[in-house]
N, C-alpha and C. Protein backbone atom coordinates (compact mmCIF):
# COMPACT_ATOMS: atom_id res chain seq x y z
N MET A 1 0.85 -1.18 0.00
CA MET A 1 0.00 0.00 0.00
C MET A 1 0.90 1.24 0.00
N ALA A 2 0.43 2.27 -0.66
CA ALA A 2 1.18 3.52 -0.77
C ALA A 2 0.53 4.59 0.13
N PHE A 3 1.35 5.51 0.59
CA PHE A 3 0.90 6.59 1.46
C PHE A 3 0.83 7.89 0.67
N TYR A 4 -0.15 8.72 1.04
CA TYR A 4 -0.38 9.99 0.37
C TYR A 4 -0.73 11.06 1.40
N MET A 5 -0.35 12.30 1.09
CA MET A 5 -0.79 13.45 1.86
C MET A 5 -1.67 14.28 0.93
N TYR A 6 -2.91 14.48 1.34
CA TYR A 6 -3.84 15.31 0.57
C TYR A 6 -4.04 16.60 1.33
N THR A 7 -3.88 17.71 0.65
CA THR A 7 -4.10 19.02 1.27
C THR A 7 -5.12 19.80 0.44
N ALA A 8 -5.86 20.65 1.12
CA ALA A 8 -6.86 21.46 0.41
C ALA A 8 -7.27 22.64 1.29
N ASN A 9 -7.95 23.55 0.64
CA ASN A 9 -8.57 24.68 1.33
C ASN A 9 -10.08 24.54 1.17
N TYR A 10 -10.82 24.91 2.19
CA TYR A 10 -12.27 24.91 2.07
C TYR A 10 -12.70 26.13 1.26
N SER A 11 -13.72 25.95 0.44
CA SER A 11 -14.28 27.08 -0.30
C SER A 11 -15.03 27.99 0.69
N ARG A 12 -15.26 29.21 0.27
CA ARG A 12 -15.99 30.15 1.13
C ARG A 12 -17.36 29.59 1.48
N GLU A 13 -18.02 28.98 0.50
CA GLU A 13 -19.35 28.42 0.72
C GLU A 13 -19.30 27.25 1.72
N ALA A 14 -18.25 26.45 1.64
CA ALA A 14 -18.11 25.33 2.58
C ALA A 14 -17.90 25.85 4.00
N ILE A 15 -17.09 26.88 4.14
CA ILE A 15 -16.86 27.47 5.47
C ILE A 15 -18.16 28.03 6.03
N GLN A 16 -18.91 28.73 5.19
CA GLN A 16 -20.20 29.27 5.64
C GLN A 16 -21.12 28.13 6.10
N ALA A 17 -21.16 27.05 5.35
CA ALA A 17 -22.02 25.91 5.70
C ALA A 17 -21.57 25.27 7.01
N MET A 18 -20.23 25.14 7.22
CA MET A 18 -19.72 24.51 8.45
C MET A 18 -19.97 25.39 9.68
N VAL A 19 -19.90 26.70 9.49
CA VAL A 19 -20.17 27.61 10.61
C VAL A 19 -21.65 27.57 10.97
N LYS A 20 -22.50 27.55 9.95
CA LYS A 20 -23.95 27.52 10.16
C LYS A 20 -24.39 26.18 10.77
N SER A 21 -23.79 25.10 10.28
CA SER A 21 -24.19 23.76 10.71
C SER A 21 -22.95 22.87 10.80
N PRO A 22 -22.23 22.89 11.94
CA PRO A 22 -21.00 22.11 12.07
C PRO A 22 -21.23 20.63 11.76
N SER A 23 -20.24 20.04 11.08
CA SER A 23 -20.34 18.62 10.73
C SER A 23 -18.98 17.96 10.92
N ASP A 24 -18.99 16.65 11.05
CA ASP A 24 -17.78 15.87 11.27
C ASP A 24 -17.08 15.64 9.94
N ARG A 25 -16.12 16.48 9.60
CA ARG A 25 -15.44 16.39 8.32
C ARG A 25 -14.52 15.17 8.25
N GLU A 26 -14.02 14.71 9.40
CA GLU A 26 -13.19 13.51 9.39
C GLU A 26 -14.03 12.28 9.00
N ALA A 27 -15.25 12.20 9.51
CA ALA A 27 -16.13 11.08 9.15
C ALA A 27 -16.44 11.11 7.65
N ALA A 28 -16.65 12.29 7.10
CA ALA A 28 -16.92 12.41 5.67
C ALA A 28 -15.72 11.98 4.85
N ALA A 29 -14.52 12.39 5.29
CA ALA A 29 -13.30 12.00 4.58
C ALA A 29 -13.08 10.50 4.68
N ARG A 30 -13.25 9.94 5.86
CA ARG A 30 -13.06 8.51 6.06
C ARG A 30 -14.00 7.70 5.15
N LYS A 31 -15.25 8.16 5.01
CA LYS A 31 -16.24 7.45 4.22
C LYS A 31 -15.82 7.36 2.75
N ILE A 32 -15.40 8.48 2.17
CA ILE A 32 -15.04 8.44 0.75
C ILE A 32 -13.71 7.71 0.53
N ILE A 33 -12.77 7.85 1.45
CA ILE A 33 -11.49 7.16 1.33
C ILE A 33 -11.69 5.65 1.39
N GLU A 34 -12.50 5.20 2.34
CA GLU A 34 -12.77 3.76 2.45
C GLU A 34 -13.56 3.25 1.25
N ALA A 35 -14.46 4.07 0.71
CA ALA A 35 -15.23 3.67 -0.48
C ALA A 35 -14.31 3.43 -1.67
N ALA A 36 -13.18 4.13 -1.70
CA ALA A 36 -12.21 3.97 -2.80
C ALA A 36 -11.15 2.92 -2.48
N GLY A 37 -11.31 2.21 -1.35
CA GLY A 37 -10.37 1.15 -1.00
C GLY A 37 -9.18 1.59 -0.18
N GLY A 38 -9.25 2.80 0.38
CA GLY A 38 -8.14 3.33 1.15
C GLY A 38 -8.40 3.34 2.64
N LYS A 39 -7.44 3.89 3.35
CA LYS A 39 -7.53 4.02 4.80
C LYS A 39 -7.06 5.42 5.19
N LEU A 40 -7.87 6.11 6.00
CA LEU A 40 -7.49 7.42 6.53
C LEU A 40 -6.72 7.19 7.83
N HIS A 41 -5.46 7.61 7.85
CA HIS A 41 -4.65 7.45 9.06
C HIS A 41 -4.81 8.65 10.00
N HIS A 42 -4.74 9.85 9.44
CA HIS A 42 -4.85 11.07 10.24
C HIS A 42 -5.47 12.17 9.38
N MET A 43 -6.19 13.04 10.05
CA MET A 43 -6.72 14.23 9.38
C MET A 43 -6.56 15.40 10.34
N PHE A 44 -6.05 16.49 9.81
CA PHE A 44 -5.81 17.68 10.62
C PHE A 44 -6.41 18.89 9.95
N MET A 45 -6.90 19.82 10.76
CA MET A 45 -7.25 21.15 10.29
C MET A 45 -6.07 22.03 10.69
N ALA A 46 -5.69 22.96 9.83
CA ALA A 46 -4.44 23.68 10.05
C ALA A 46 -4.62 25.18 9.95
N PHE A 47 -3.76 25.89 10.66
CA PHE A 47 -3.63 27.33 10.47
C PHE A 47 -2.68 27.54 9.29
N GLY A 48 -2.76 28.68 8.64
CA GLY A 48 -1.83 28.96 7.56
C GLY A 48 -2.45 28.78 6.20
N PRO A 49 -1.62 28.50 5.19
CA PRO A 49 -2.12 28.46 3.81
C PRO A 49 -2.97 27.23 3.47
N THR A 50 -2.98 26.22 4.32
CA THR A 50 -3.75 25.00 4.06
C THR A 50 -4.76 24.79 5.17
N ASP A 51 -6.01 24.50 4.80
CA ASP A 51 -7.06 24.29 5.79
C ASP A 51 -7.12 22.86 6.31
N VAL A 52 -6.89 21.90 5.42
CA VAL A 52 -7.05 20.50 5.80
C VAL A 52 -5.88 19.67 5.25
N ILE A 53 -5.42 18.74 6.06
CA ILE A 53 -4.35 17.81 5.67
C ILE A 53 -4.83 16.41 6.05
N ALA A 54 -4.82 15.50 5.08
CA ALA A 54 -5.22 14.12 5.34
C ALA A 54 -4.07 13.19 4.95
N LEU A 55 -3.72 12.28 5.84
CA LEU A 55 -2.70 11.27 5.55
C LEU A 55 -3.43 9.95 5.32
N CYS A 56 -3.31 9.42 4.11
CA CYS A 56 -4.08 8.26 3.68
C CYS A 56 -3.17 7.17 3.14
N GLU A 57 -3.75 5.99 3.03
CA GLU A 57 -3.05 4.85 2.45
C GLU A 57 -3.99 4.19 1.45
N PHE A 58 -3.47 3.89 0.27
CA PHE A 58 -4.23 3.25 -0.80
C PHE A 58 -3.40 2.15 -1.44
N PRO A 59 -4.08 1.15 -2.03
CA PRO A 59 -3.33 0.09 -2.70
C PRO A 59 -2.64 0.58 -3.97
N ASP A 60 -3.13 1.70 -4.55
CA ASP A 60 -2.52 2.21 -5.78
C ASP A 60 -2.88 3.68 -5.96
N ASP A 61 -2.29 4.30 -6.97
CA ASP A 61 -2.52 5.72 -7.24
C ASP A 61 -3.95 5.99 -7.70
N ILE A 62 -4.59 5.03 -8.33
CA ILE A 62 -5.93 5.23 -8.88
C ILE A 62 -6.94 5.57 -7.79
N GLY A 63 -6.89 4.87 -6.67
CA GLY A 63 -7.82 5.13 -5.57
C GLY A 63 -7.66 6.54 -5.03
N MET A 64 -6.41 6.97 -4.83
CA MET A 64 -6.18 8.32 -4.31
C MET A 64 -6.63 9.36 -5.32
N ALA A 65 -6.34 9.13 -6.60
CA ALA A 65 -6.76 10.07 -7.64
C ALA A 65 -8.28 10.17 -7.68
N ALA A 66 -8.97 9.05 -7.54
CA ALA A 66 -10.43 9.06 -7.56
C ALA A 66 -10.99 9.89 -6.42
N VAL A 67 -10.42 9.74 -5.22
CA VAL A 67 -10.88 10.53 -4.07
C VAL A 67 -10.63 12.02 -4.33
N SER A 68 -9.44 12.34 -4.80
CA SER A 68 -9.11 13.74 -5.07
C SER A 68 -10.08 14.35 -6.09
N LEU A 69 -10.37 13.59 -7.15
CA LEU A 69 -11.30 14.08 -8.17
C LEU A 69 -12.71 14.24 -7.62
N ALA A 70 -13.18 13.25 -6.87
CA ALA A 70 -14.54 13.31 -6.33
C ALA A 70 -14.70 14.45 -5.34
N VAL A 71 -13.72 14.63 -4.47
CA VAL A 71 -13.78 15.72 -3.49
C VAL A 71 -13.73 17.07 -4.21
N GLY A 72 -12.83 17.20 -5.17
CA GLY A 72 -12.74 18.44 -5.93
C GLY A 72 -14.02 18.75 -6.70
N ALA A 73 -14.64 17.72 -7.27
CA ALA A 73 -15.87 17.91 -8.04
C ALA A 73 -17.03 18.34 -7.15
N GLY A 74 -16.94 18.02 -5.86
CA GLY A 74 -18.01 18.40 -4.94
C GLY A 74 -18.10 19.89 -4.68
N GLY A 75 -17.04 20.62 -4.97
CA GLY A 75 -17.05 22.07 -4.83
C GLY A 75 -16.78 22.61 -3.44
N GLY A 76 -16.58 21.75 -2.45
CA GLY A 76 -16.35 22.22 -1.09
C GLY A 76 -14.90 22.59 -0.79
N VAL A 77 -13.99 22.18 -1.68
CA VAL A 77 -12.59 22.51 -1.47
C VAL A 77 -11.99 23.14 -2.72
N THR A 78 -10.93 23.87 -2.51
CA THR A 78 -10.14 24.44 -3.59
C THR A 78 -8.68 24.09 -3.33
N ASN A 79 -7.87 24.23 -4.34
CA ASN A 79 -6.43 24.01 -4.21
C ASN A 79 -6.09 22.62 -3.70
N GLY A 80 -6.87 21.62 -4.05
CA GLY A 80 -6.57 20.25 -3.64
C GLY A 80 -5.25 19.80 -4.25
N ALA A 81 -4.43 19.15 -3.44
CA ALA A 81 -3.13 18.68 -3.92
C ALA A 81 -2.80 17.35 -3.24
N THR A 82 -2.26 16.44 -4.01
CA THR A 82 -1.88 15.13 -3.50
C THR A 82 -0.38 14.96 -3.61
N THR A 83 0.24 14.54 -2.53
CA THR A 83 1.67 14.24 -2.51
C THR A 83 1.84 12.77 -2.15
N LYS A 84 2.50 12.02 -3.01
CA LYS A 84 2.79 10.62 -2.70
C LYS A 84 3.97 10.59 -1.75
N LEU A 85 3.85 9.79 -0.70
CA LEU A 85 4.87 9.72 0.34
C LEU A 85 5.62 8.39 0.28
N LEU A 86 6.88 8.41 0.71
CA LEU A 86 7.69 7.20 0.82
C LEU A 86 7.97 6.92 2.28
N THR A 87 7.92 5.65 2.66
CA THR A 87 8.34 5.28 4.01
C THR A 87 9.86 5.36 4.07
N PRO A 88 10.44 5.40 5.27
CA PRO A 88 11.90 5.38 5.35
C PRO A 88 12.50 4.15 4.66
N ALA A 89 11.84 3.00 4.75
CA ALA A 89 12.34 1.79 4.08
C ALA A 89 12.34 1.97 2.56
N GLU A 90 11.26 2.54 2.02
CA GLU A 90 11.20 2.79 0.58
C GLU A 90 12.27 3.78 0.15
N PHE A 91 12.48 4.80 0.97
CA PHE A 91 13.52 5.79 0.65
C PHE A 91 14.90 5.13 0.69
N GLY A 92 15.08 4.21 1.63
CA GLY A 92 16.35 3.46 1.68
C GLY A 92 16.58 2.68 0.40
N GLU A 93 15.54 2.03 -0.11
CA GLU A 93 15.65 1.31 -1.39
C GLU A 93 16.02 2.27 -2.51
N ALA A 94 15.40 3.46 -2.52
CA ALA A 94 15.70 4.45 -3.55
C ALA A 94 17.15 4.91 -3.46
N MET A 95 17.66 5.10 -2.25
CA MET A 95 19.07 5.51 -2.10
C MET A 95 20.00 4.43 -2.61
N ARG A 96 19.71 3.16 -2.27
CA ARG A 96 20.55 2.06 -2.75
C ARG A 96 20.53 1.97 -4.27
N LYS A 97 19.35 2.12 -4.86
CA LYS A 97 19.24 2.07 -6.32
C LYS A 97 19.98 3.25 -6.94
N ALA A 98 19.85 4.43 -6.34
CA ALA A 98 20.55 5.61 -6.85
C ALA A 98 22.06 5.36 -6.85
N GLY A 99 22.57 4.73 -5.79
CA GLY A 99 24.00 4.42 -5.75
C GLY A 99 24.40 3.46 -6.85
N ALA A 100 23.52 2.52 -7.17
CA ALA A 100 23.83 1.52 -8.20
C ALA A 100 23.78 2.10 -9.61
N ILE A 101 22.96 3.12 -9.84
CA ILE A 101 22.81 3.65 -11.20
C ILE A 101 23.50 5.00 -11.41
N ALA A 102 24.09 5.56 -10.38
CA ALA A 102 24.66 6.91 -10.46
C ALA A 102 25.67 7.05 -11.60
N GLY A 103 26.42 6.01 -11.89
CA GLY A 103 27.43 6.09 -12.94
C GLY A 103 26.83 6.19 -14.34
N ALA A 104 25.54 5.94 -14.49
CA ALA A 104 24.90 6.01 -15.81
C ALA A 104 24.49 7.45 -16.17
N TYR A 105 24.67 8.37 -15.25
CA TYR A 105 24.22 9.75 -15.48
C TYR A 105 25.43 10.67 -15.64
N THR A 106 25.35 11.53 -16.64
CA THR A 106 26.38 12.55 -16.85
C THR A 106 25.73 13.91 -16.60
N PRO A 107 26.17 14.63 -15.55
CA PRO A 107 25.55 15.93 -15.28
C PRO A 107 25.96 16.96 -16.34
N PRO A 108 25.15 18.03 -16.48
CA PRO A 108 25.53 19.08 -17.41
C PRO A 108 26.87 19.70 -17.03
N GLN A 109 27.63 20.03 -18.00
CA GLN A 109 28.94 20.64 -17.74
C GLN A 109 29.11 21.87 -18.58
N GLY A 110 29.71 22.90 -18.00
CA GLY A 110 29.83 24.17 -18.71
C GLY A 110 31.20 24.45 -19.22
């Protein structure tokens, strides 16, 4: 399974709706993520340039992309962005592979 970080901002209309009638946004996120075959590990509301951060796990990129598209199509968020994450073990594999193939690359020279 692969890990992803999804970030987004709530639209003005979504914020107005949440203030008027508060709702459990984590439950809503969990429902759509699980419907796409994923698992929600953590969800945070944040100060700063991003309103919501969700850390999810999916068997493949398609499930995460489907969630991102469905949430974006709903109109409640803007600036949705997905970042695929690597575990430290996966990053270790990448470093080992980089060491093995480094000689195949010639950097630009001036």
